[in-house]
């Protein structure tokens, strides 16, 4: 029995249609109802993915709750040493994910962005504990401050060292695009979680509370991928009400419809839709001597690319490519900038399983084991290229002709 027929007993397959102002999903997508969109016998890491989906949903719920009171008397925004903003939500998500996955899979370590030293030095502990224990989806609301701080440090940079041999570990970005989190309700940010086994990303989950869906006017999406099983999305079962800090929507107790995701089928570079890093300009990329870029979809010149505004962080760009809304995401490494594993791991598997391709600027696969000690950094040559696969070699050739890397 193949994957599609084995899943079809959950619902009737149907084609997806779009009425969103965003670029549409692929017309090849279809939906199916179940806790996960494929049977357990097809997915080696089914239990791990089920747990990851649940904890990312609850993490998104925590984000919405914190954001609703961010600018009240309890809200705290602080600049880290690298001048990036952090909030209670960043630490709360890391603590929540660490606590839940630590109970279910105590032998699997967590590689994540934050550690409790920052919380202690900025007197954030009480706020973080309240955010975590106040989240009704936490399985144990009796956690103490020590429990929460320890959970955060479970994923911190000093938690463990791997050595040279590949291992099994979770990779978490608590909030990718914190600057987007701090903006209005339309800004995109992503909670990203992946599982790596022997150097291979085997599953990934991305939650984006402000994602505008194609099939309804609800916002919020969760995207999942499992090696060999494709990439899928469904609505997040939460909404933020103007007067209530957090409520479950009316369909929370009904099985969600999973929609299969595919990258777009664009084969002509000139017709592609591009995403770039918010901190980088088009002029800084090697394609700029050959093509200019415009954000005006109604007026694209002969030597112009369409550049999509996608807010902050890298993971929302991966989400755009995996869902077929963008064709290409291109990122340049900077001499003094180290690319973090958690900014890319979950996005890589979601794009791959949707039919796309990810490599460095020389066409090499992204190596997650390059950092032998902490598995925290990746070292792509020149930068990262994410495409729908059809365009990958063409873009690599253009990079090579326009780059001195």
Protein backbone atom coordinates (compact mmCIF):
# COMPACT_ATOMS: atom_id res chain seq x y z
CA UNK A 1 0.00 0.00 0.00
CA UNK A 2 1.49 3.35 -0.97
CA UNK A 3 1.52 6.45 1.23
CA UNK A 4 -1.44 8.17 -0.39
CA UNK A 5 -3.79 5.20 -0.42
CA UNK A 6 -2.88 4.20 3.11
CA UNK A 7 -3.71 7.68 4.37
CA UNK A 8 -6.89 8.10 2.39
CA UNK A 9 -9.09 6.26 4.84
CA UNK A 10 -9.02 9.30 7.09
CA UNK A 11 -10.82 11.52 4.55
CA UNK A 12 -11.50 12.11 0.90
CA UNK A 13 -8.61 13.71 -0.93
CA UNK A 14 -9.35 17.13 -2.38
CA UNK A 15 -7.42 19.73 -4.33
CA UNK A 16 -6.56 22.99 -2.61
CA UNK A 17 -7.62 26.35 -4.02
CA UNK A 18 -6.29 29.73 -2.99
CA UNK A 19 -7.98 33.06 -2.39
CA UNK A 20 -5.19 34.64 -0.35
CA UNK A 21 -3.27 37.74 -1.37
CA UNK A 22 -0.09 35.74 -0.85
CA UNK A 23 1.25 33.63 -3.72
CA UNK A 24 -0.78 30.39 -3.89
CA UNK A 25 0.12 26.93 -2.77
CA UNK A 26 0.88 24.33 -5.40
CA UNK A 27 -2.21 22.99 -7.16
CA UNK A 28 -0.90 19.50 -6.48
CA UNK A 29 -1.66 19.78 -2.75
CA UNK A 30 -4.35 17.70 -1.07
CA UNK A 31 -5.70 17.25 2.44
CA UNK A 32 -6.25 14.39 4.86
CA UNK A 33 -7.50 14.21 8.46
CA UNK A 34 -5.55 12.42 11.19
CA UNK A 35 -3.21 13.14 14.10
CA UNK A 36 -0.40 12.88 11.55
CA UNK A 37 -0.94 12.71 7.79
CA UNK A 38 0.75 9.36 7.26
CA UNK A 39 0.60 5.98 9.03
CA UNK A 40 3.07 5.02 11.73
CA UNK A 41 4.45 2.11 9.73
CA UNK A 42 5.65 4.56 7.07
CA UNK A 43 7.49 6.79 9.56
CA UNK A 44 10.35 5.45 11.67
CA UNK A 45 10.20 8.48 13.97
CA UNK A 46 6.42 8.70 14.21
CA UNK A 47 6.29 9.00 18.01
CA UNK A 48 8.99 11.66 18.02
CA UNK A 49 7.11 13.65 15.37
CA UNK A 50 3.81 13.36 17.25
CA UNK A 51 5.53 14.74 20.34
CA UNK A 52 7.23 17.49 18.35
CA UNK A 53 3.94 18.61 16.79
CA UNK A 54 2.27 18.77 20.18
CA UNK A 55 5.01 20.73 21.87
CA UNK A 56 5.39 23.22 19.00
CA UNK A 57 1.63 23.85 19.06
CA UNK A 58 1.85 24.56 22.78
CA UNK A 59 4.93 26.74 22.25
CA UNK A 60 3.02 28.84 19.72
CA UNK A 61 0.25 29.15 22.25
CA UNK A 62 2.75 30.43 24.81
CA UNK A 63 4.07 32.97 22.26
CA UNK A 64 0.61 34.38 21.66
CA UNK A 65 -0.08 34.62 25.37
CA UNK A 66 3.20 36.43 26.06
CA UNK A 67 2.79 38.72 23.07
CA UNK A 68 -0.67 39.81 24.20
CA UNK A 69 0.90 41.28 27.34
CA UNK A 70 4.34 42.11 25.95
CA UNK A 71 3.96 45.85 26.19
CA UNK A 72 2.09 45.81 29.47
CA UNK A 73 3.81 46.28 32.81
CA UNK A 74 5.01 42.68 32.72
CA UNK A 75 6.49 42.80 29.24
CA UNK A 76 10.27 42.71 28.91
CA UNK A 77 12.38 43.27 25.80
CA UNK A 78 16.16 43.24 26.13
CA UNK A 79 19.02 43.45 23.67
CA UNK A 80 21.46 40.54 23.79
CA UNK A 81 25.19 41.02 23.28
CA UNK A 82 24.74 40.47 19.55
CA UNK A 83 22.14 43.28 19.47
CA UNK A 84 19.24 40.92 18.81
CA UNK A 85 16.14 41.37 20.97
CA UNK A 86 14.89 38.64 23.27
CA UNK A 87 11.67 38.38 25.20
CA UNK A 88 10.16 36.23 27.89
CA UNK A 89 8.69 34.14 25.09
CA UNK A 90 12.13 33.04 23.77
CA UNK A 91 13.10 31.57 27.11
CA UNK A 92 9.61 30.32 27.87
CA UNK A 93 9.44 28.35 24.64
CA UNK A 94 12.86 26.81 25.22
CA UNK A 95 11.90 25.82 28.76
CA UNK A 96 8.55 24.37 27.64
CA UNK A 97 10.04 22.32 24.81
CA UNK A 98 12.90 21.12 26.97
CA UNK A 99 10.60 20.08 29.82
CA UNK A 100 8.18 18.17 27.61
CA UNK A 101 10.73 16.44 25.36
CA UNK A 102 12.99 15.71 28.33
CA UNK A 103 10.20 13.69 29.94
CA UNK A 104 9.35 11.77 26.79
CA UNK A 105 12.86 11.26 25.41
CA UNK A 106 15.29 11.76 28.31
CA UNK A 107 18.25 10.28 26.42
CA UNK A 108 18.01 12.72 23.48
CA UNK A 109 19.88 15.99 24.10
CA UNK A 110 18.66 19.40 22.99
CA UNK A 111 20.66 21.97 21.01
CA UNK A 112 19.04 25.37 21.44
CA UNK A 113 19.74 29.08 21.43
CA UNK A 114 19.39 30.40 24.98
CA UNK A 115 20.78 29.70 28.45
CA UNK A 116 19.66 30.79 31.90
CA UNK A 117 22.64 33.05 32.61
CA UNK A 118 20.96 35.82 30.63
CA UNK A 119 17.72 35.35 32.58
CA UNK A 120 19.48 35.50 35.93
CA UNK A 121 21.49 38.61 35.09
CA UNK A 122 18.41 40.47 33.83
CA UNK A 123 15.99 39.37 36.57
CA UNK A 124 13.69 37.60 34.15
CA UNK A 125 13.26 34.34 36.06
CA UNK A 126 9.86 35.10 37.59
CA UNK A 127 8.39 36.22 34.28
CA UNK A 128 9.68 33.17 32.43
CA UNK A 129 8.42 30.76 35.10
CA UNK A 130 4.99 32.43 35.03
CA UNK A 131 4.86 32.18 31.23
CA UNK A 132 5.71 28.47 31.30
CA UNK A 133 3.64 27.32 34.26
CA UNK A 134 0.75 29.57 33.30
CA UNK A 135 0.46 27.78 29.98
CA UNK A 136 -2.39 25.32 30.50
CA UNK A 137 -0.89 22.92 27.96
CA UNK A 138 2.17 22.20 30.11
CA UNK A 139 1.80 18.67 31.41
CA UNK A 140 3.21 19.59 34.84
CA UNK A 141 2.24 23.08 36.03
CA UNK A 142 3.96 22.53 39.39
CA UNK A 143 7.42 23.21 37.97
CA UNK A 144 9.60 25.36 40.16
CA UNK A 145 11.93 28.15 39.11
CA UNK A 146 14.85 25.73 39.43
CA UNK A 147 13.07 23.26 37.12
CA UNK A 148 12.51 25.92 34.46
CA UNK A 149 16.06 27.28 34.58
CA UNK A 150 17.48 23.78 34.43
CA UNK A 151 15.25 23.00 31.44
CA UNK A 152 16.56 26.04 29.60
CA UNK A 153 20.15 25.09 30.34
CA UNK A 154 19.51 21.59 29.00
CA UNK A 155 19.78 23.16 25.55
CA UNK A 156 22.39 25.79 26.39
CA UNK A 157 25.86 26.04 24.93
CA UNK A 158 27.52 24.55 28.00
CA UNK A 159 25.10 21.64 28.42
CA UNK A 160 27.24 18.99 26.70
CA UNK A 161 29.80 18.29 24.00
CA UNK A 162 29.31 15.77 21.24
CA UNK A 163 32.77 14.87 20.04
CA UNK A 164 33.39 13.87 16.43
CA UNK A 165 30.84 11.06 16.12
CA UNK A 166 27.34 11.99 14.82
CA UNK A 167 24.60 11.61 17.38
CA UNK A 168 20.85 11.88 17.90
CA UNK A 169 19.69 15.29 19.13
CA UNK A 170 16.91 17.85 18.91
CA UNK A 171 17.58 21.27 17.38
CA UNK A 172 15.34 24.12 18.57
CA UNK A 173 14.94 27.74 17.56
CA UNK A 174 12.54 29.06 20.24
CA UNK A 175 11.51 32.06 18.13
CA UNK A 176 13.14 32.59 14.77
CA UNK A 177 12.49 36.20 13.81
CA UNK A 178 12.16 37.80 17.25
CA UNK A 179 12.09 41.22 15.59
CA UNK A 180 9.01 39.99 13.74
CA UNK A 181 7.55 38.76 17.03
CA UNK A 182 7.91 42.30 18.38
CA UNK A 183 6.02 43.80 15.43
CA UNK A 184 2.31 43.78 14.70
CA UNK A 185 0.00 40.84 14.31
CA UNK A 186 0.82 40.47 10.60
CA UNK A 187 4.57 39.97 11.12
CA UNK A 188 5.91 36.44 10.72
CA UNK A 189 7.95 34.53 13.27
CA UNK A 190 8.52 30.79 13.60
CA UNK A 191 9.02 28.22 16.36
CA UNK A 192 11.27 25.60 14.77
CA UNK A 193 12.14 22.09 16.00
CA UNK A 194 14.05 19.31 14.22
CA UNK A 195 15.48 15.89 15.09
CA UNK A 196 18.90 14.93 13.78
CA UNK A 197 20.06 11.29 13.70
CA UNK A 198 23.62 10.43 12.63
CA UNK A 199 24.02 13.74 10.86
CA UNK A 200 20.70 13.48 8.95
CA UNK A 201 17.66 15.61 9.69
CA UNK A 202 14.86 13.05 10.04
CA UNK A 203 11.90 15.22 11.02
CA UNK A 204 10.98 18.84 11.49
CA UNK A 205 8.12 20.99 12.78
CA UNK A 206 7.61 24.72 12.22
CA UNK A 207 4.85 26.73 13.90
CA UNK A 208 3.97 30.20 12.59
CA UNK A 209 1.10 31.83 14.52
CA UNK A 210 0.66 34.73 12.07
CA UNK A 211 0.77 32.76 8.82
CA UNK A 212 -2.18 33.57 6.55
CA UNK A 213 -3.64 30.35 5.18
CA UNK A 214 -4.91 29.88 1.65
CA UNK A 215 -7.96 27.76 2.40
CA UNK A 216 -9.59 30.02 4.99
CA UNK A 217 -9.23 33.38 6.61
CA UNK A 218 -7.81 31.82 9.76
CA UNK A 219 -4.24 32.64 10.62
CA UNK A 220 -1.56 30.35 11.98
CA UNK A 221 -0.01 27.24 10.54
CA UNK A 222 2.07 24.29 11.56
CA UNK A 223 4.33 22.59 9.01
CA UNK A 224 5.75 19.10 9.50
CA UNK A 225 8.14 16.92 7.56
CA UNK A 226 9.41 13.38 8.06
CA UNK A 227 12.09 11.80 5.93
CA UNK A 228 10.42 9.90 3.10
CA UNK A 229 6.90 11.04 4.03
CA UNK A 230 6.65 14.52 2.55
CA UNK A 231 5.90 17.96 3.96
CA UNK A 232 2.45 18.83 5.31
CA UNK A 233 0.63 21.75 6.93
CA UNK A 234 -2.49 22.32 9.00
CA UNK A 235 -4.08 25.21 10.88
CA UNK A 236 -2.79 25.98 14.34
CA UNK A 237 -5.67 25.22 16.74
CA UNK A 238 -5.33 28.60 18.48
CA UNK A 239 -6.41 32.18 17.88
CA UNK A 240 -5.64 35.40 19.69
CA UNK A 241 -8.76 37.34 20.65
CA UNK A 242 -8.77 41.10 21.19
CA UNK A 243 -10.21 40.76 24.67
CA UNK A 244 -9.03 37.31 25.72
CA UNK A 245 -5.30 36.60 26.09
CA UNK A 246 -5.79 33.15 24.59
CA UNK A 247 -8.60 30.88 23.54
CA UNK A 248 -8.89 27.64 21.66
CA UNK A 249 -10.81 28.02 18.45
CA UNK A 250 -14.07 26.24 17.78
CA UNK A 251 -12.41 23.38 15.91
CA UNK A 252 -9.81 22.58 18.54
CA UNK A 253 -11.37 19.21 19.37
CA UNK A 254 -11.90 18.23 15.74
CA UNK A 255 -9.07 16.51 13.83
CA UNK A 256 -7.33 19.08 11.65
CA UNK A 257 -6.98 18.71 7.91
CA UNK A 258 -3.41 18.15 6.80
CA UNK A 259 -2.49 19.61 3.40
CA UNK A 260 0.43 18.18 1.42
CA UNK A 261 3.00 20.81 0.44
CA UNK A 262 5.03 21.01 -2.73
CA UNK A 263 7.53 23.57 -3.94
CA UNK A 264 6.49 25.59 -6.97
CA UNK A 265 7.27 24.36 -10.47
CA UNK A 266 8.95 27.49 -11.81
CA UNK A 267 11.67 26.55 -14.32
CA UNK A 268 12.65 30.02 -15.57
CA UNK A 269 14.90 32.10 -13.34
CA UNK A 270 13.40 35.37 -14.53
CA UNK A 271 9.93 34.20 -13.39
CA UNK A 272 11.08 33.07 -9.93
CA UNK A 273 9.99 34.68 -6.66
CA UNK A 274 12.97 35.40 -4.39
CA UNK A 275 13.43 35.80 -0.64
CA UNK A 276 16.56 37.25 0.95
CA UNK A 277 17.67 37.86 4.52
CA UNK A 278 16.21 41.02 6.01
CA UNK A 279 19.64 42.18 7.16
CA UNK A 280 21.01 41.92 3.62
CA UNK A 281 20.36 44.03 0.54
CA UNK A 282 20.01 42.73 -2.99
CA UNK A 283 23.13 44.70 -3.94
CA UNK A 284 25.18 42.57 -1.52
CA UNK A 285 24.38 39.35 -3.42
CA UNK A 286 26.29 38.01 -6.43
CA UNK A 287 23.19 38.05 -8.65
CA UNK A 288 22.89 41.84 -8.40
CA UNK A 289 25.34 42.61 -11.27
CA UNK A 290 23.16 40.50 -13.56
CA UNK A 291 19.67 41.34 -12.30
CA UNK A 292 18.03 44.05 -10.27
CA UNK A 293 15.15 43.30 -7.88
CA UNK A 294 11.70 44.76 -7.37
CA UNK A 295 8.92 44.20 -4.85
CA UNK A 296 6.28 45.33 -7.35
CA UNK A 297 4.72 42.20 -8.81
CA UNK A 298 2.77 44.25 -11.36
CA UNK A 299 5.82 45.87 -12.91
CA UNK A 300 8.78 43.53 -13.42
CA UNK A 301 11.37 44.64 -15.95
CA UNK A 302 13.35 42.47 -18.35
CA UNK A 303 16.34 42.24 -15.99
CA UNK A 304 14.49 42.20 -12.69
CA UNK A 305 13.59 39.56 -10.10
CA UNK A 306 10.49 39.69 -7.94
CA UNK A 307 11.57 40.05 -4.30
CA UNK A 308 9.01 38.95 -1.70
CA UNK A 309 8.85 40.71 1.68
CA UNK A 310 8.79 37.92 4.28
CA UNK A 311 9.69 39.69 7.54
CA UNK A 312 12.39 38.51 9.92
CA UNK A 313 14.38 35.31 10.36
CA UNK A 314 15.39 32.51 8.02
CA UNK A 315 12.78 29.88 8.86
CA UNK A 316 9.84 31.84 7.45
CA UNK A 317 11.73 31.93 4.13
CA UNK A 318 12.11 28.14 4.21
CA UNK A 319 8.39 27.94 4.97
CA UNK A 320 7.69 30.16 1.95
CA UNK A 321 9.71 27.92 -0.39
CA UNK A 322 8.36 24.65 1.04
CA UNK A 323 4.77 25.84 0.63
CA UNK A 324 5.33 26.99 -2.94
CA UNK A 325 4.88 30.68 -2.21
CA UNK A 326 8.49 31.51 -3.05
CA UNK A 327 10.86 29.87 -5.52
CA UNK A 328 14.25 30.82 -4.06
CA UNK A 329 15.74 31.87 -0.73
CA UNK A 330 19.34 33.02 -0.92
CA UNK A 331 21.50 33.91 2.08
CA UNK A 332 25.06 35.20 2.09
CA UNK A 333 27.39 34.44 4.99
CA UNK A 334 29.32 37.34 6.41
CA UNK A 335 32.98 37.16 7.33
CA UNK A 336 32.29 37.65 11.04
CA UNK A 337 28.90 35.95 11.16
CA UNK A 338 28.50 32.30 12.14
CA UNK A 339 25.39 30.60 10.80
CA UNK A 340 23.47 28.83 13.55
CA UNK A 341 22.16 25.28 13.10
CA UNK A 342 18.74 26.13 14.56
CA UNK A 343 18.16 28.81 11.90
CA UNK A 344 18.24 26.18 9.14
CA UNK A 345 17.82 22.55 10.28
CA UNK A 346 14.02 22.32 10.35
CA UNK A 347 13.73 24.42 7.20
CA UNK A 348 16.07 22.13 5.30
CA UNK A 349 13.99 18.99 5.79
CA UNK A 350 10.71 20.81 5.11
CA UNK A 351 12.04 22.07 1.76
CA UNK A 352 13.64 18.72 0.84
CA UNK A 353 10.48 16.74 1.58
CA UNK A 354 8.42 19.24 -0.42
CA UNK A 355 10.60 18.53 -3.47
CA UNK A 356 13.08 21.38 -3.13
CA UNK A 357 16.82 21.54 -2.63
CA UNK A 358 19.19 23.20 -0.15
CA UNK A 359 22.94 23.58 -0.55
CA UNK A 360 25.78 26.02 -0.06
CA UNK A 361 26.82 28.31 -2.91
CA UNK A 362 29.06 25.63 -4.38
CA UNK A 363 26.28 23.05 -4.47
CA UNK A 364 27.47 21.09 -1.43
CA UNK A 365 25.01 19.63 1.06
CA UNK A 366 24.79 21.53 4.34
CA UNK A 367 26.96 19.67 6.87
CA UNK A 368 25.41 19.61 10.34
CA UNK A 369 28.44 17.83 11.82
CA UNK A 370 30.96 20.51 10.87
CA UNK A 371 30.85 21.72 14.47
CA UNK A 372 32.16 18.55 16.06
CA UNK A 373 31.84 19.77 19.65
CA UNK A 374 28.49 21.49 20.00
CA UNK A 375 26.54 20.89 16.75
CA UNK A 376 25.57 24.57 17.01
CA UNK A 377 27.18 26.03 13.89
CA UNK A 378 27.26 25.28 10.18
CA UNK A 379 29.86 26.50 7.72
CA UNK A 380 28.40 26.73 4.20
CA UNK A 381 30.73 27.96 1.47
CA UNK A 382 29.63 31.44 0.46
CA UNK A 383 26.12 31.09 1.78
CA UNK A 384 22.93 29.03 1.69
CA UNK A 385 20.79 28.48 -1.41
CA UNK A 386 17.22 27.18 -1.04
CA UNK A 387 15.22 26.51 -4.22
CA UNK A 388 12.41 24.52 -5.78
CA UNK A 389 15.09 22.18 -7.25
CA UNK A 390 14.20 23.09 -10.86
CA UNK A 391 16.15 26.33 -10.54
CA UNK A 392 18.97 25.14 -8.31
CA UNK A 393 21.71 24.52 -10.88
CA UNK A 394 20.77 27.63 -12.82
CA UNK A 395 21.09 29.80 -9.69
CA UNK A 396 24.38 28.13 -8.75
CA UNK A 397 25.76 29.02 -12.18
CA UNK A 398 24.62 32.62 -11.80
CA UNK A 399 26.20 32.81 -8.33
CA UNK A 400 29.44 31.43 -9.70
CA UNK A 401 29.50 33.96 -12.53
CA UNK A 402 28.72 36.90 -10.27
CA UNK A 403 30.60 35.93 -7.10
CA UNK A 404 34.24 36.04 -6.12
CA UNK A 405 33.69 33.54 -3.30
